[in-house]
């Protein structure tokens, strides 16, 4: 069960890091990076939803 959940988290993180170069090279505090990651996640969800509806 743990392995089944872990791959989803790792895949999501890989998509965010691959898509948003800013997240790869950041050096701000973990407290402040949370807002940036949340915004990137929302934009990525929007982008993927948009792409799947247009096909």
PDB file of N, CA and C in Angstrom:
ATOM      1  N   UNK A   1       0.827  -1.189   0.000  1.00  0.00           N
ATOM      2  CA  UNK A   1       0.000   0.000   0.000  1.00  0.00           C
ATOM      3  C   UNK A   1       0.877   1.261   0.000  1.00  0.00           C
ATOM      4  N   UNK A   2       1.914   1.230   0.819  1.00  0.00           N
ATOM      5  CA  UNK A   2       2.790   2.401   0.886  1.00  0.00           C
ATOM      6  C   UNK A   2       3.471   2.652  -0.457  1.00  0.00           C
ATOM      7  N   UNK A   3       3.914   1.595  -1.107  1.00  0.00           N
ATOM      8  CA  UNK A   3       4.544   1.744  -2.416  1.00  0.00           C
ATOM      9  C   UNK A   3       3.567   2.325  -3.435  1.00  0.00           C
ATOM     10  N   UNK A   4       2.308   1.912  -3.326  1.00  0.00           N
ATOM     11  CA  UNK A   4       1.289   2.417  -4.238  1.00  0.00           C
ATOM     12  C   UNK A   4       1.047   3.906  -4.083  1.00  0.00           C
ATOM     13  N   UNK A   5       1.161   4.407  -2.867  1.00  0.00           N
ATOM     14  CA  UNK A   5       0.990   5.835  -2.639  1.00  0.00           C
ATOM     15  C   UNK A   5       2.261   6.615  -2.944  1.00  0.00           C
ATOM     16  N   UNK A   6       3.389   5.991  -2.691  1.00  0.00           N
ATOM     17  CA  UNK A   6       4.662   6.700  -2.860  1.00  0.00           C
ATOM     18  C   UNK A   6       4.927   7.067  -4.311  1.00  0.00           C
ATOM     19  N   UNK A   7       4.609   6.180  -5.251  1.00  0.00           N
ATOM     20  CA  UNK A   7       4.890   6.480  -6.648  1.00  0.00           C
ATOM     21  C   UNK A   7       4.083   7.680  -7.120  1.00  0.00           C
ATOM     22  N   UNK A   8       2.878   7.847  -6.583  1.00  0.00           N
ATOM     23  CA  UNK A   8       2.062   8.984  -6.991  1.00  0.00           C
ATOM     24  C   UNK A   8       2.693  10.305  -6.545  1.00  0.00           C
ATOM     25  N   UNK A   9       3.208  10.324  -5.316  1.00  0.00           N
ATOM     26  CA  UNK A   9       3.872  11.523  -4.826  1.00  0.00           C
ATOM     27  C   UNK A   9       5.145  11.827  -5.593  1.00  0.00           C
ATOM     28  N   UNK A  10       5.926  10.785  -5.874  1.00  0.00           N
ATOM     29  CA  UNK A  10       7.168  10.990  -6.628  1.00  0.00           C
ATOM     30  C   UNK A  10       6.889  11.435  -8.051  1.00  0.00           C
ATOM     31  N   UNK A  11       5.869  10.898  -8.660  1.00  0.00           N
ATOM     32  CA  UNK A  11       5.504  11.291 -10.020  1.00  0.00           C
ATOM     33  C   UNK A  11       5.049  12.746 -10.056  1.00  0.00           C
ATOM     34  N   UNK A  12       4.228  13.123  -9.088  1.00  0.00           N
ATOM     35  CA  UNK A  12       3.773  14.515  -9.017  1.00  0.00           C
ATOM     36  C   UNK A  12       4.920  15.478  -8.815  1.00  0.00           C
ATOM     37  N   UNK A  13       5.854  15.116  -7.939  1.00  0.00           N
ATOM     38  CA  UNK A  13       7.013  15.972  -7.701  1.00  0.00           C
ATOM     39  C   UNK A  13       7.869  16.074  -8.962  1.00  0.00           C
ATOM     40  N   UNK A  14       8.038  14.969  -9.669  1.00  0.00           N
ATOM     41  CA  UNK A  14       8.828  14.987 -10.904  1.00  0.00           C
ATOM     42  C   UNK A  14       8.188  15.876 -11.960  1.00  0.00           C
ATOM     43  N   UNK A  15       6.864  15.834 -12.049  1.00  0.00           N
ATOM     44  CA  UNK A  15       6.175  16.699 -13.020  1.00  0.00           C
ATOM     45  C   UNK A  15       6.379  18.163 -12.658  1.00  0.00           C
ATOM     46  N   UNK A  16       6.236  18.493 -11.371  1.00  0.00           N
ATOM     47  CA  UNK A  16       6.414  19.883 -10.948  1.00  0.00           C
ATOM     48  C   UNK A  16       7.833  20.369 -11.196  1.00  0.00           C
ATOM     49  N   UNK A  17       8.817  19.556 -10.827  1.00  0.00           N
ATOM     50  CA  UNK A  17      10.213  19.962 -10.999  1.00  0.00           C
ATOM     51  C   UNK A  17      10.574  20.056 -12.478  1.00  0.00           C
ATOM     52  N   UNK A  18      10.073  19.127 -13.276  1.00  0.00           N
ATOM     53  CA  UNK A  18      10.360  19.154 -14.708  1.00  0.00           C
ATOM     54  C   UNK A  18       9.697  20.320 -15.411  1.00  0.00           C
ATOM     55  N   UNK A  19       8.513  20.668 -14.971  1.00  0.00           N
ATOM     56  CA  UNK A  19       7.749  21.728 -15.633  1.00  0.00           C
ATOM     57  C   UNK A  19       8.175  23.115 -15.182  1.00  0.00           C
ATOM     58  N   UNK A  20       8.482  23.268 -13.923  1.00  0.00           N
ATOM     59  CA  UNK A  20       8.784  24.578 -13.357  1.00  0.00           C
ATOM     60  C   UNK A  20      10.260  24.646 -12.971  1.00  0.00           C
ATOM     61  N   UNK A  21      11.081  25.204 -13.842  1.00  0.00           N
ATOM     62  CA  UNK A  21      12.526  25.296 -13.605  1.00  0.00           C
ATOM     63  C   UNK A  21      12.856  26.111 -12.363  1.00  0.00           C
ATOM     64  N   UNK A  22      11.978  27.016 -12.004  1.00  0.00           N
ATOM     65  CA  UNK A  22      12.192  27.839 -10.809  1.00  0.00           C
ATOM     66  C   UNK A  22      12.297  26.971  -9.561  1.00  0.00           C
ATOM     67  N   UNK A  23      11.541  25.891  -9.506  1.00  0.00           N
ATOM     68  CA  UNK A  23      11.556  25.027  -8.331  1.00  0.00           C
ATOM     69  C   UNK A  23      12.862  24.259  -8.189  1.00  0.00           C
ATOM     70  N   UNK A  24      13.581  24.073  -9.296  1.00  0.00           N
ATOM     71  CA  UNK A  24      14.861  23.363  -9.238  1.00  0.00           C
ATOM     72  C   UNK A  24      15.967  24.214  -8.631  1.00  0.00           C
ATOM     73  N   UNK A  25      15.891  25.508  -8.819  1.00  0.00           N
ATOM     74  CA  UNK A  25      17.002  26.384  -8.442  1.00  0.00           C
ATOM     75  C   UNK A  25      16.637  27.370  -7.336  1.00  0.00           C
ATOM     76  N   UNK A  26      15.710  27.031  -6.503  1.00  0.00           N
ATOM     77  CA  UNK A  26      15.299  27.951  -5.451  1.00  0.00           C
ATOM     78  C   UNK A  26      16.122  27.737  -4.185  1.00  0.00           C
ATOM     79  N   UNK A  27      16.310  28.790  -3.444  1.00  0.00           N
ATOM     80  CA  UNK A  27      17.034  28.671  -2.171  1.00  0.00           C
ATOM     81  C   UNK A  27      16.320  29.449  -1.069  1.00  0.00           C
ATOM     82  N   UNK A  28      14.989  29.563  -1.179  1.00  0.00           N
ATOM     83  CA  UNK A  28      14.235  30.237  -0.127  1.00  0.00           C
ATOM     84  C   UNK A  28      13.831  29.232   0.944  1.00  0.00           C
ATOM     85  N   UNK A  29      13.334  29.727   2.034  1.00  0.00           N
ATOM     86  CA  UNK A  29      13.005  28.867   3.168  1.00  0.00           C
ATOM     87  C   UNK A  29      11.851  27.919   2.832  1.00  0.00           C
ATOM     88  N   UNK A  30      11.815  26.749   3.466  1.00  0.00           N
ATOM     89  CA  UNK A  30      10.722  25.801   3.225  1.00  0.00           C
ATOM     90  C   UNK A  30       9.349  26.374   3.544  1.00  0.00           C
ATOM     91  N   UNK A  31       9.283  27.303   4.468  1.00  0.00           N
ATOM     92  CA  UNK A  31       8.012  27.925   4.810  1.00  0.00           C
ATOM     93  C   UNK A  31       7.457  28.747   3.643  1.00  0.00           C
ATOM     94  N   UNK A  32       8.333  29.439   2.962  1.00  0.00           N
ATOM     95  CA  UNK A  32       7.895  30.303   1.854  1.00  0.00           C
ATOM     96  C   UNK A  32       7.734  29.536   0.549  1.00  0.00           C
ATOM     97  N   UNK A  33       8.460  28.441   0.374  1.00  0.00           N
ATOM     98  CA  UNK A  33       8.370  27.685  -0.876  1.00  0.00           C
ATOM     99  C   UNK A  33       7.006  27.012  -1.009  1.00  0.00           C
ATOM    100  N   UNK A  34       6.326  26.771   0.106  1.00  0.00           N
ATOM    101  CA  UNK A  34       5.019  26.114   0.063  1.00  0.00           C
ATOM    102  C   UNK A  34       4.015  26.859  -0.794  1.00  0.00           C
ATOM    103  N   UNK A  35       3.982  28.174  -0.690  1.00  0.00           N
ATOM    104  CA  UNK A  35       3.054  28.971  -1.502  1.00  0.00           C
ATOM    105  C   UNK A  35       3.401  28.887  -2.982  1.00  0.00           C
ATOM    106  N   UNK A  36       4.680  28.885  -3.287  1.00  0.00           N
ATOM    107  CA  UNK A  36       5.116  28.806  -4.682  1.00  0.00           C
ATOM    108  C   UNK A  36       4.772  27.444  -5.272  1.00  0.00           C
ATOM    109  N   UNK A  37       5.019  26.386  -4.494  1.00  0.00           N
ATOM    110  CA  UNK A  37       4.702  25.035  -4.964  1.00  0.00           C
ATOM    111  C   UNK A  37       3.192  24.879  -5.141  1.00  0.00           C
ATOM    112  N   UNK A  38       2.421  25.428  -4.233  1.00  0.00           N
ATOM    113  CA  UNK A  38       0.956  25.353  -4.357  1.00  0.00           C
ATOM    114  C   UNK A  38       0.479  26.059  -5.630  1.00  0.00           C
ATOM    115  N   UNK A  39       1.042  27.214  -5.925  1.00  0.00           N
ATOM    116  CA  UNK A  39       0.666  27.935  -7.142  1.00  0.00           C
ATOM    117  C   UNK A  39       1.073  27.144  -8.385  1.00  0.00           C
ATOM    118  N   UNK A  40       2.272  26.574  -8.372  1.00  0.00           N
ATOM    119  CA  UNK A  40       2.726  25.772  -9.508  1.00  0.00           C
ATOM    120  C   UNK A  40       1.840  24.547  -9.692  1.00  0.00           C
ATOM    121  N   UNK A  41       1.423  23.942  -8.594  1.00  0.00           N
ATOM    122  CA  UNK A  41       0.551  22.772  -8.664  1.00  0.00           C
ATOM    123  C   UNK A  41      -0.798  23.139  -9.274  1.00  0.00           C
ATOM    124  N   UNK A  42      -1.371  24.257  -8.872  1.00  0.00           N
ATOM    125  CA  UNK A  42      -2.645  24.689  -9.431  1.00  0.00           C
ATOM    126  C   UNK A  42      -2.522  24.996 -10.914  1.00  0.00           C
ATOM    127  N   UNK A  43      -1.448  25.650 -11.299  1.00  0.00           N
ATOM    128  CA  UNK A  43      -1.248  25.951 -12.720  1.00  0.00           C
ATOM    129  C   UNK A  43      -1.038  24.689 -13.537  1.00  0.00           C
ATOM    130  N   UNK A  44      -0.322  23.722 -12.970  1.00  0.00           N
ATOM    131  CA  UNK A  44      -0.093  22.466 -13.668  1.00  0.00           C
ATOM    132  C   UNK A  44      -1.398  21.694 -13.819  1.00  0.00           C
ATOM    133  N   UNK A  45      -2.221  21.666 -12.784  1.00  0.00           N
ATOM    134  CA  UNK A  45      -3.526  21.007 -12.892  1.00  0.00           C
ATOM    135  C   UNK A  45      -4.375  21.677 -13.956  1.00  0.00           C
ATOM    136  N   UNK A  46      -4.361  22.994 -13.979  1.00  0.00           N
ATOM    137  CA  UNK A  46      -5.121  23.722 -14.988  1.00  0.00           C
ATOM    138  C   UNK A  46      -4.621  23.376 -16.388  1.00  0.00           C
ATOM    139  N   UNK A  47      -3.318  23.338 -16.544  1.00  0.00           N
ATOM    140  CA  UNK A  47      -2.731  23.048 -17.852  1.00  0.00           C
ATOM    141  C   UNK A  47      -3.090  21.645 -18.324  1.00  0.00           C
ATOM    142  N   UNK A  48      -2.964  20.660 -17.476  1.00  0.00           N
ATOM    143  CA  UNK A  48      -3.255  19.292 -17.874  1.00  0.00           C
ATOM    144  C   UNK A  48      -4.747  19.101 -18.121  1.00  0.00           C
ATOM    145  N   UNK A  49      -5.590  19.745 -17.357  1.00  0.00           N
ATOM    146  CA  UNK A  49      -7.033  19.653 -17.578  1.00  0.00           C
ATOM    147  C   UNK A  49      -7.383  20.264 -18.926  1.00  0.00           C
ATOM    148  N   UNK A  50      -6.781  21.394 -19.212  1.00  0.00           N
ATOM    149  CA  UNK A  50      -7.025  22.072 -20.488  1.00  0.00           C
ATOM    150  C   UNK A  50      -6.591  21.196 -21.652  1.00  0.00           C
ATOM    151  N   UNK A  51      -5.427  20.568 -21.535  1.00  0.00           N
ATOM    152  CA  UNK A  51      -4.915  19.729 -22.616  1.00  0.00           C
ATOM    153  C   UNK A  51      -5.795  18.495 -22.830  1.00  0.00           C
ATOM    154  N   UNK A  52      -6.278  17.899 -21.769  1.00  0.00           N
ATOM    155  CA  UNK A  52      -7.098  16.689 -21.932  1.00  0.00           C
ATOM    156  C   UNK A  52      -8.472  17.013 -22.508  1.00  0.00           C
ATOM    157  N   UNK A  53      -9.023  18.188 -22.249  1.00  0.00           N
ATOM    158  CA  UNK A  53     -10.317  18.556 -22.795  1.00  0.00           C
ATOM    159  C   UNK A  53     -10.239  18.927 -24.266  1.00  0.00           C
ATOM    160  N   UNK A  54      -9.103  19.439 -24.712  1.00  0.00           N
ATOM    161  CA  UNK A  54      -8.995  19.896 -26.093  1.00  0.00           C
ATOM    162  C   UNK A  54      -8.729  18.756 -27.049  1.00  0.00           C
ATOM    163  N   UNK A  55      -8.343  17.574 -26.558  1.00  0.00           N
ATOM    164  CA  UNK A  55      -8.038  16.432 -27.443  1.00  0.00           C
ATOM    165  C   UNK A  55      -9.281  15.688 -27.838  1.00  0.00           C
TER     166      UNK A  55
END
